[in-house]
Amino acid sequence: MPLPEGYKQATKVLHAALDVRVNKLRSMHQLPANVRVGKRMLLELGERLHNSLRRGGAGALYGAVQLQSQAMSLMHAIDLLETQGAYSATRFLSRLERAKTKSARGLARDPQIIQAQELSASLEKTPHPKESKLRELVSDDLKSNPGAKIIVFTQFRDTVETIAENLNRIERVQAVRFVG
């Protein structure tokens, strides 16, 4: 499903911030050049960096650990925005300010992240395309089976509230949050 234009803009800002961190890690020779960097590569890098620190490494390794952590957070924010919607992404980005780690707090002060958070917050009333599709699927199912009970699973807690509100807009639906 294509994302609304505002979502694309916020995602673009987050990708730009991610690229800055990835390029710094490349310049530190922690990541290979000309290779698409994904979560797995960043997770493996984090493991290598932490192992090096345990063996007595210091100095630039701390900076690399911070960049790797920030890159992981940015990937998560992008995933949230693209798959769960602006509400979840905004909540995640706003929690960075109160995080315990220096990495997260540093990320929260980055002008690009502030811009992405503002864009994301402005999109909270713009529904993610999945929301209308979910309403359509549930409505269709209830039309063919009016007594049906439907369970909707989500990977992220922040999304539960949005899903329940969205489904409660359907006539005769009483969506209930269950987190377990």
Foldseek 3Di string as FASTA:
>chain_A
DDWPPLLVVLLVLLVVVLVVLVVVCVVVVLDPPPDDDDPVSLVVSLVVLVVCVVVPDDDCSVVNNLSSVLSNLSVVLSCCCQPQHLQVSLVSLVCLCVDPDPSSVVSNPDPSSVVSNVSSVVCRVPDTVVLVVVLVVVVVVCVVPVVDDDDDDDDDPSRQVVNQVSNVVDPPDRDDGDDD
